[in-house]
């Protein structure tokens, strides 16, 4: 087992919610490190920012991408997990 997800499901009749645990296998791609953040990516980010929240779109500056990625990894793989 590589990772575990816990999901709390509320019952329809209003009784106490159930907590289920699922074993999951995360997949991580490396395609993002193969692309250079250049003027084209900067323009793509600007265009997508008009319609969507600039912090939620995939094309962001490398420093912000790193911070967002590490935050995600730390939530998936907490330090004190077995």
PDB file of N, CA and C in Angstrom:
ATOM      1  N   UNK A   1       0.847  -1.182   0.000  1.00  0.00           N
ATOM      2  CA  UNK A   1       0.000   0.000   0.000  1.00  0.00           C
ATOM      3  C   UNK A   1       0.887   1.237   0.000  1.00  0.00           C
ATOM      4  N   UNK A   2       0.643   2.141  -0.916  1.00  0.00           N
ATOM      5  CA  UNK A   2       1.427   3.368  -0.994  1.00  0.00           C
ATOM      6  C   UNK A   2       0.779   4.530  -0.274  1.00  0.00           C
ATOM      7  N   UNK A   3      -0.542   4.609  -0.334  1.00  0.00           N
ATOM      8  CA  UNK A   3      -1.235   5.734   0.289  1.00  0.00           C
ATOM      9  C   UNK A   3      -2.632   5.295   0.703  1.00  0.00           C
ATOM     10  N   UNK A   4      -3.254   6.102   1.515  1.00  0.00           N
ATOM     11  CA  UNK A   4      -4.588   5.775   2.008  1.00  0.00           C
ATOM     12  C   UNK A   4      -5.440   7.042   1.993  1.00  0.00           C
ATOM     13  N   UNK A   5      -6.674   6.878   1.572  1.00  0.00           N
ATOM     14  CA  UNK A   5      -7.613   8.005   1.593  1.00  0.00           C
ATOM     15  C   UNK A   5      -8.728   7.681   2.560  1.00  0.00           C
ATOM     16  N   UNK A   6      -9.087   8.647   3.367  1.00  0.00           N
ATOM     17  CA  UNK A   6     -10.215   8.493   4.274  1.00  0.00           C
ATOM     18  C   UNK A   6     -11.337   9.390   3.808  1.00  0.00           C
ATOM     19  N   UNK A   7     -12.539   8.824   3.744  1.00  0.00           N
ATOM     20  CA  UNK A   7     -13.685   9.577   3.267  1.00  0.00           C
ATOM     21  C   UNK A   7     -14.837   9.391   4.238  1.00  0.00           C
ATOM     22  N   UNK A   8     -15.431  10.505   4.641  1.00  0.00           N
ATOM     23  CA  UNK A   8     -16.571  10.447   5.541  1.00  0.00           C
ATOM     24  C   UNK A   8     -17.839  10.598   4.715  1.00  0.00           C
ATOM     25  N   UNK A   9     -18.725   9.612   4.844  1.00  0.00           N
ATOM     26  CA  UNK A   9     -19.964   9.610   4.059  1.00  0.00           C
ATOM     27  C   UNK A   9     -21.148   9.761   5.005  1.00  0.00           C
ATOM     28  N   UNK A  10     -21.978  10.761   4.758  1.00  0.00           N
ATOM     29  CA  UNK A  10     -23.161  10.976   5.583  1.00  0.00           C
ATOM     30  C   UNK A  10     -24.274  10.042   5.111  1.00  0.00           C
ATOM     31  N   UNK A  11     -24.986   9.474   6.070  1.00  0.00           N
ATOM     32  CA  UNK A  11     -26.091   8.589   5.730  1.00  0.00           C
ATOM     33  C   UNK A  11     -27.329   9.415   5.439  1.00  0.00           C
ATOM     34  N   UNK A  12     -28.160   8.919   4.553  1.00  0.00           N
ATOM     35  CA  UNK A  12     -29.342   9.670   4.116  1.00  0.00           C
ATOM     36  C   UNK A  12     -30.377   9.833   5.212  1.00  0.00           C
ATOM     37  N   UNK A  13     -30.458   8.892   6.128  1.00  0.00           N
ATOM     38  CA  UNK A  13     -31.489   8.969   7.164  1.00  0.00           C
ATOM     39  C   UNK A  13     -31.087   9.832   8.354  1.00  0.00           C
ATOM     40  N   UNK A  14     -29.953  10.512   8.272  1.00  0.00           N
ATOM     41  CA  UNK A  14     -29.529  11.428   9.315  1.00  0.00           C
ATOM     42  C   UNK A  14     -28.737  10.793  10.435  1.00  0.00           C
ATOM     43  N   UNK A  15     -28.534   9.492  10.366  1.00  0.00           N
ATOM     44  CA  UNK A  15     -27.734   8.840  11.402  1.00  0.00           C
ATOM     45  C   UNK A  15     -26.273   9.247  11.282  1.00  0.00           C
ATOM     46  N   UNK A  16     -25.497   8.769  12.221  1.00  0.00           N
ATOM     47  CA  UNK A  16     -24.073   9.099  12.265  1.00  0.00           C
ATOM     48  C   UNK A  16     -23.400   8.764  10.935  1.00  0.00           C
ATOM     49  N   UNK A  17     -22.493   9.600  10.503  1.00  0.00           N
ATOM     50  CA  UNK A  17     -21.818   9.378   9.230  1.00  0.00           C
ATOM     51  C   UNK A  17     -20.821   8.223   9.343  1.00  0.00           C
ATOM     52  N   UNK A  18     -20.584   7.594   8.203  1.00  0.00           N
ATOM     53  CA  UNK A  18     -19.638   6.484   8.136  1.00  0.00           C
ATOM     54  C   UNK A  18     -18.290   6.983   7.643  1.00  0.00           C
ATOM     55  N   UNK A  19     -17.245   6.418   8.186  1.00  0.00           N
ATOM     56  CA  UNK A  19     -15.896   6.776   7.746  1.00  0.00           C
ATOM     57  C   UNK A  19     -15.305   5.552   7.058  1.00  0.00           C
ATOM     58  N   UNK A  20     -14.963   5.723   5.787  1.00  0.00           N
ATOM     59  CA  UNK A  20     -14.397   4.632   5.017  1.00  0.00           C
ATOM     60  C   UNK A  20     -12.948   4.947   4.681  1.00  0.00           C
ATOM     61  N   UNK A  21     -12.142   3.905   4.627  1.00  0.00           N
ATOM     62  CA  UNK A  21     -10.731   4.042   4.303  1.00  0.00           C
ATOM     63  C   UNK A  21     -10.461   3.257   3.027  1.00  0.00           C
ATOM     64  N   UNK A  22      -9.814   3.905   2.068  1.00  0.00           N
ATOM     65  CA  UNK A  22      -9.495   3.286   0.792  1.00  0.00           C
ATOM     66  C   UNK A  22      -7.985   3.269   0.594  1.00  0.00           C
ATOM     67  N   UNK A  23      -7.474   2.156   0.103  1.00  0.00           N
ATOM     68  CA  UNK A  23      -6.077   2.098  -0.315  1.00  0.00           C
ATOM     69  C   UNK A  23      -5.999   2.656  -1.730  1.00  0.00           C
ATOM     70  N   UNK A  24      -5.053   3.530  -1.973  1.00  0.00           N
ATOM     71  CA  UNK A  24      -4.913   4.144  -3.292  1.00  0.00           C
ATOM     72  C   UNK A  24      -3.462   4.067  -3.754  1.00  0.00           C
ATOM     73  N   UNK A  25      -3.293   4.101  -5.049  1.00  0.00           N
ATOM     74  CA  UNK A  25      -1.964   4.142  -5.652  1.00  0.00           C
ATOM     75  C   UNK A  25      -1.881   5.435  -6.455  1.00  0.00           C
ATOM     76  N   UNK A  26      -1.126   6.413  -5.976  1.00  0.00           N
ATOM     77  CA  UNK A  26      -1.021   7.678  -6.706  1.00  0.00           C
ATOM     78  C   UNK A  26      -0.073   7.556  -7.901  1.00  0.00           C
ATOM     79  N   UNK A  27      -0.394   8.261  -8.948  1.00  0.00           N
ATOM     80  CA  UNK A  27       0.449   8.326 -10.131  1.00  0.00           C
ATOM     81  C   UNK A  27       0.924   9.756 -10.295  1.00  0.00           C
ATOM     82  N   UNK A  28       2.195   9.936 -10.533  1.00  0.00           N
ATOM     83  CA  UNK A  28       2.764  11.264 -10.700  1.00  0.00           C
ATOM     84  C   UNK A  28       3.472  11.312 -12.042  1.00  0.00           C
ATOM     85  N   UNK A  29       3.143  12.309 -12.848  1.00  0.00           N
ATOM     86  CA  UNK A  29       3.801  12.467 -14.136  1.00  0.00           C
ATOM     87  C   UNK A  29       4.979  13.422 -14.043  1.00  0.00           C
ATOM     88  N   UNK A  30       5.934  13.247 -14.941  1.00  0.00           N
ATOM     89  CA  UNK A  30       7.103  14.131 -14.932  1.00  0.00           C
ATOM     90  C   UNK A  30       7.116  15.061 -16.139  1.00  0.00           C
ATOM     91  N   UNK A  31       6.040  15.104 -16.882  1.00  0.00           N
ATOM     92  CA  UNK A  31       6.017  15.892 -18.113  1.00  0.00           C
ATOM     93  C   UNK A  31       6.270  17.371 -17.843  1.00  0.00           C
ATOM     94  N   UNK A  32       5.830  17.875 -16.682  1.00  0.00           N
ATOM     95  CA  UNK A  32       5.985  19.301 -16.396  1.00  0.00           C
ATOM     96  C   UNK A  32       7.438  19.728 -16.278  1.00  0.00           C
ATOM     97  N   UNK A  33       8.309  18.853 -15.852  1.00  0.00           N
ATOM     98  CA  UNK A  33       9.709  19.259 -15.728  1.00  0.00           C
ATOM     99  C   UNK A  33      10.422  19.254 -17.075  1.00  0.00           C
ATOM    100  N   UNK A  34       9.762  18.714 -18.092  1.00  0.00           N
ATOM    101  CA  UNK A  34      10.378  18.664 -19.411  1.00  0.00           C
ATOM    102  C   UNK A  34      10.069  19.912 -20.243  1.00  0.00           C
ATOM    103  N   UNK A  35       9.205  20.768 -19.714  1.00  0.00           N
ATOM    104  CA  UNK A  35       8.818  21.964 -20.447  1.00  0.00           C
ATOM    105  C   UNK A  35       9.424  23.203 -19.795  1.00  0.00           C
ATOM    106  N   UNK A  36       9.890  24.100 -20.597  1.00  0.00           N
ATOM    107  CA  UNK A  36      10.462  25.344 -20.108  1.00  0.00           C
ATOM    108  C   UNK A  36       9.349  26.372 -19.909  1.00  0.00           C
ATOM    109  N   UNK A  37       9.389  27.094 -18.799  1.00  0.00           N
ATOM    110  CA  UNK A  37       8.427  28.175 -18.575  1.00  0.00           C
ATOM    111  C   UNK A  37       8.962  29.408 -19.289  1.00  0.00           C
ATOM    112  N   UNK A  38       8.483  29.625 -20.496  1.00  0.00           N
ATOM    113  CA  UNK A  38       8.994  30.708 -21.339  1.00  0.00           C
ATOM    114  C   UNK A  38       7.873  31.702 -21.649  1.00  0.00           C
ATOM    115  N   UNK A  39       8.076  32.538 -22.648  1.00  0.00           N
ATOM    116  CA  UNK A  39       7.081  33.548 -23.007  1.00  0.00           C
ATOM    117  C   UNK A  39       5.754  32.894 -23.419  1.00  0.00           C
ATOM    118  N   UNK A  40       5.831  31.761 -24.085  1.00  0.00           N
ATOM    119  CA  UNK A  40       4.606  31.065 -24.505  1.00  0.00           C
ATOM    120  C   UNK A  40       3.783  30.632 -23.287  1.00  0.00           C
ATOM    121  N   UNK A  41       4.444  30.054 -22.280  1.00  0.00           N
ATOM    122  CA  UNK A  41       3.743  29.630 -21.063  1.00  0.00           C
ATOM    123  C   UNK A  41       3.239  30.843 -20.282  1.00  0.00           C
ATOM    124  N   UNK A  42       3.998  31.908 -20.279  1.00  0.00           N
ATOM    125  CA  UNK A  42       3.583  33.132 -19.597  1.00  0.00           C
ATOM    126  C   UNK A  42       2.311  33.696 -20.252  1.00  0.00           C
ATOM    127  N   UNK A  43       2.270  33.667 -21.575  1.00  0.00           N
ATOM    128  CA  UNK A  43       1.092  34.129 -22.310  1.00  0.00           C
ATOM    129  C   UNK A  43      -0.097  33.216 -22.059  1.00  0.00           C
ATOM    130  N   UNK A  44       0.146  31.912 -22.031  1.00  0.00           N
ATOM    131  CA  UNK A  44      -0.922  30.951 -21.741  1.00  0.00           C
ATOM    132  C   UNK A  44      -1.514  31.215 -20.361  1.00  0.00           C
ATOM    133  N   UNK A  45      -0.652  31.468 -19.384  1.00  0.00           N
ATOM    134  CA  UNK A  45      -1.123  31.778 -18.031  1.00  0.00           C
ATOM    135  C   UNK A  45      -1.972  33.049 -18.027  1.00  0.00           C
ATOM    136  N   UNK A  46      -1.521  34.082 -18.726  1.00  0.00           N
ATOM    137  CA  UNK A  46      -2.264  35.345 -18.781  1.00  0.00           C
ATOM    138  C   UNK A  46      -3.641  35.146 -19.409  1.00  0.00           C
ATOM    139  N   UNK A  47      -3.703  34.379 -20.485  1.00  0.00           N
ATOM    140  CA  UNK A  47      -4.985  34.148 -21.166  1.00  0.00           C
ATOM    141  C   UNK A  47      -5.945  33.344 -20.286  1.00  0.00           C
ATOM    142  N   UNK A  48      -5.450  32.301 -19.652  1.00  0.00           N
ATOM    143  CA  UNK A  48      -6.309  31.484 -18.788  1.00  0.00           C
ATOM    144  C   UNK A  48      -6.739  32.250 -17.546  1.00  0.00           C
ATOM    145  N   UNK A  49      -5.906  33.189 -17.096  1.00  0.00           N
ATOM    146  CA  UNK A  49      -6.235  33.971 -15.898  1.00  0.00           C
ATOM    147  C   UNK A  49      -7.432  34.887 -16.112  1.00  0.00           C
ATOM    148  N   UNK A  50      -7.735  35.199 -17.355  1.00  0.00           N
ATOM    149  CA  UNK A  50      -8.899  36.052 -17.646  1.00  0.00           C
ATOM    150  C   UNK A  50     -10.187  35.323 -17.281  1.00  0.00           C
ATOM    151  N   UNK A  51     -10.237  34.016 -17.566  1.00  0.00           N
ATOM    152  CA  UNK A  51     -11.459  33.244 -17.345  1.00  0.00           C
ATOM    153  C   UNK A  51     -11.466  32.505 -16.007  1.00  0.00           C
ATOM    154  N   UNK A  52     -10.300  32.067 -15.529  1.00  0.00           N
ATOM    155  CA  UNK A  52     -10.217  31.243 -14.334  1.00  0.00           C
ATOM    156  C   UNK A  52      -9.373  31.921 -13.252  1.00  0.00           C
ATOM    157  N   UNK A  53      -9.470  31.393 -12.043  1.00  0.00           N
ATOM    158  CA  UNK A  53      -8.667  31.876 -10.928  1.00  0.00           C
ATOM    159  C   UNK A  53      -7.192  31.625 -11.243  1.00  0.00           C
ATOM    160  N   UNK A  54      -6.352  32.635 -11.250  1.00  0.00           N
ATOM    161  CA  UNK A  54      -4.935  32.468 -11.605  1.00  0.00           C
ATOM    162  C   UNK A  54      -4.179  31.472 -10.724  1.00  0.00           C
ATOM    163  N   UNK A  55      -4.646  31.265  -9.493  1.00  0.00           N
ATOM    164  CA  UNK A  55      -3.958  30.335  -8.598  1.00  0.00           C
ATOM    165  C   UNK A  55      -4.371  28.885  -8.817  1.00  0.00           C
ATOM    166  N   UNK A  56      -5.459  28.657  -9.548  1.00  0.00           N
ATOM    167  CA  UNK A  56      -5.951  27.292  -9.713  1.00  0.00           C
ATOM    168  C   UNK A  56      -5.610  26.673 -11.069  1.00  0.00           C
ATOM    169  N   UNK A  57      -5.134  27.451 -12.007  1.00  0.00           N
ATOM    170  CA  UNK A  57      -4.836  26.891 -13.326  1.00  0.00           C
ATOM    171  C   UNK A  57      -3.477  26.189 -13.309  1.00  0.00           C
ATOM    172  N   UNK A  58      -3.270  25.309 -14.258  1.00  0.00           N
ATOM    173  CA  UNK A  58      -2.064  24.474 -14.248  1.00  0.00           C
ATOM    174  C   UNK A  58      -0.810  25.223 -14.674  1.00  0.00           C
ATOM    175  N   UNK A  59      -0.944  26.219 -15.514  1.00  0.00           N
ATOM    176  CA  UNK A  59       0.228  26.945 -16.012  1.00  0.00           C
ATOM    177  C   UNK A  59       0.538  28.094 -15.057  1.00  0.00           C
ATOM    178  N   UNK A  60       1.563  27.895 -14.234  1.00  0.00           N
ATOM    179  CA  UNK A  60       1.983  28.921 -13.277  1.00  0.00           C
ATOM    180  C   UNK A  60       3.509  28.988 -13.275  1.00  0.00           C
ATOM    181  N   UNK A  61       4.035  30.015 -12.666  1.00  0.00           N
ATOM    182  CA  UNK A  61       5.486  30.169 -12.590  1.00  0.00           C
ATOM    183  C   UNK A  61       6.094  29.003 -11.807  1.00  0.00           C
ATOM    184  N   UNK A  62       7.302  28.608 -12.150  1.00  0.00           N
ATOM    185  CA  UNK A  62       7.921  27.430 -11.534  1.00  0.00           C
ATOM    186  C   UNK A  62       7.969  27.465 -10.004  1.00  0.00           C
ATOM    187  N   UNK A  63       8.277  28.602  -9.404  1.00  0.00           N
ATOM    188  CA  UNK A  63       8.359  28.681  -7.938  1.00  0.00           C
ATOM    189  C   UNK A  63       6.997  28.377  -7.306  1.00  0.00           C
ATOM    190  N   UNK A  64       5.937  28.974  -7.844  1.00  0.00           N
ATOM    191  CA  UNK A  64       4.595  28.732  -7.311  1.00  0.00           C
ATOM    192  C   UNK A  64       4.189  27.280  -7.545  1.00  0.00           C
ATOM    193  N   UNK A  65       4.523  26.738  -8.717  1.00  0.00           N
ATOM    194  CA  UNK A  65       4.208  25.343  -9.029  1.00  0.00           C
ATOM    195  C   UNK A  65       4.881  24.415  -8.015  1.00  0.00           C
ATOM    196  N   UNK A  66       6.138  24.678  -7.695  1.00  0.00           N
ATOM    197  CA  UNK A  66       6.872  23.870  -6.722  1.00  0.00           C
ATOM    198  C   UNK A  66       6.182  23.895  -5.366  1.00  0.00           C
ATOM    199  N   UNK A  67       5.826  25.070  -4.897  1.00  0.00           N
ATOM    200  CA  UNK A  67       5.175  25.201  -3.592  1.00  0.00           C
ATOM    201  C   UNK A  67       3.833  24.481  -3.571  1.00  0.00           C
ATOM    202  N   UNK A  68       3.040  24.628  -4.640  1.00  0.00           N
ATOM    203  CA  UNK A  68       1.736  23.965  -4.724  1.00  0.00           C
ATOM    204  C   UNK A  68       1.903  22.451  -4.775  1.00  0.00           C
ATOM    205  N   UNK A  69       2.887  21.983  -5.530  1.00  0.00           N
ATOM    206  CA  UNK A  69       3.132  20.551  -5.655  1.00  0.00           C
ATOM    207  C   UNK A  69       3.580  19.951  -4.316  1.00  0.00           C
ATOM    208  N   UNK A  70       4.496  20.611  -3.618  1.00  0.00           N
ATOM    209  CA  UNK A  70       4.967  20.104  -2.335  1.00  0.00           C
ATOM    210  C   UNK A  70       3.848  20.093  -1.287  1.00  0.00           C
ATOM    211  N   UNK A  71       2.998  21.094  -1.310  1.00  0.00           N
ATOM    212  CA  UNK A  71       1.857  21.130  -0.391  1.00  0.00           C
ATOM    213  C   UNK A  71       0.927  19.946  -0.660  1.00  0.00           C
ATOM    214  N   UNK A  72       0.688  19.664  -1.932  1.00  0.00           N
ATOM    215  CA  UNK A  72      -0.154  18.526  -2.289  1.00  0.00           C
ATOM    216  C   UNK A  72       0.474  17.213  -1.815  1.00  0.00           C
ATOM    217  N   UNK A  73       1.771  17.030  -2.065  1.00  0.00           N
ATOM    218  CA  UNK A  73       2.463  15.800  -1.666  1.00  0.00           C
ATOM    219  C   UNK A  73       2.406  15.618  -0.151  1.00  0.00           C
ATOM    220  N   UNK A  74       2.557  16.703   0.593  1.00  0.00           N
ATOM    221  CA  UNK A  74       2.513  16.610   2.057  1.00  0.00           C
ATOM    222  C   UNK A  74       1.126  16.251   2.571  1.00  0.00           C
ATOM    223  N   UNK A  75       0.083  16.608   1.852  1.00  0.00           N
ATOM    224  CA  UNK A  75      -1.257  16.200   2.279  1.00  0.00           C
ATOM    225  C   UNK A  75      -1.540  14.744   1.923  1.00  0.00           C
ATOM    226  N   UNK A  76      -0.977  14.278   0.821  1.00  0.00           N
ATOM    227  CA  UNK A  76      -1.177  12.883   0.414  1.00  0.00           C
ATOM    228  C   UNK A  76      -0.329  11.945   1.265  1.00  0.00           C
ATOM    229  N   UNK A  77       0.895  12.361   1.557  1.00  0.00           N
ATOM    230  CA  UNK A  77       1.826  11.562   2.352  1.00  0.00           C
ATOM    231  C   UNK A  77       2.226  12.327   3.610  1.00  0.00           C
ATOM    232  N   UNK A  78       1.361  12.366   4.627  1.00  0.00           N
ATOM    233  CA  UNK A  78       1.711  13.089   5.862  1.00  0.00           C
ATOM    234  C   UNK A  78       2.942  12.472   6.523  1.00  0.00           C
ATOM    235  N   UNK A  79       3.709  13.302   7.211  1.00  0.00           N
ATOM    236  CA  UNK A  79       4.954  12.845   7.847  1.00  0.00           C
ATOM    237  C   UNK A  79       4.715  11.785   8.908  1.00  0.00           C
ATOM    238  N   UNK A  80       3.622  11.887   9.650  1.00  0.00           N
ATOM    239  CA  UNK A  80       3.385  10.960  10.766  1.00  0.00           C
ATOM    240  C   UNK A  80       2.487   9.788  10.383  1.00  0.00           C
ATOM    241  N   UNK A  81       2.341   9.492   9.098  1.00  0.00           N
ATOM    242  CA  UNK A  81       1.536   8.344   8.692  1.00  0.00           C
ATOM    243  C   UNK A  81       2.371   7.069   8.769  1.00  0.00           C
ATOM    244  N   UNK A  82       1.716   5.926   9.009  1.00  0.00           N
ATOM    245  CA  UNK A  82       2.468   4.657   9.131  1.00  0.00           C
ATOM    246  C   UNK A  82       3.103   4.225   7.835  1.00  0.00           C
TER     247      UNK A  82
END
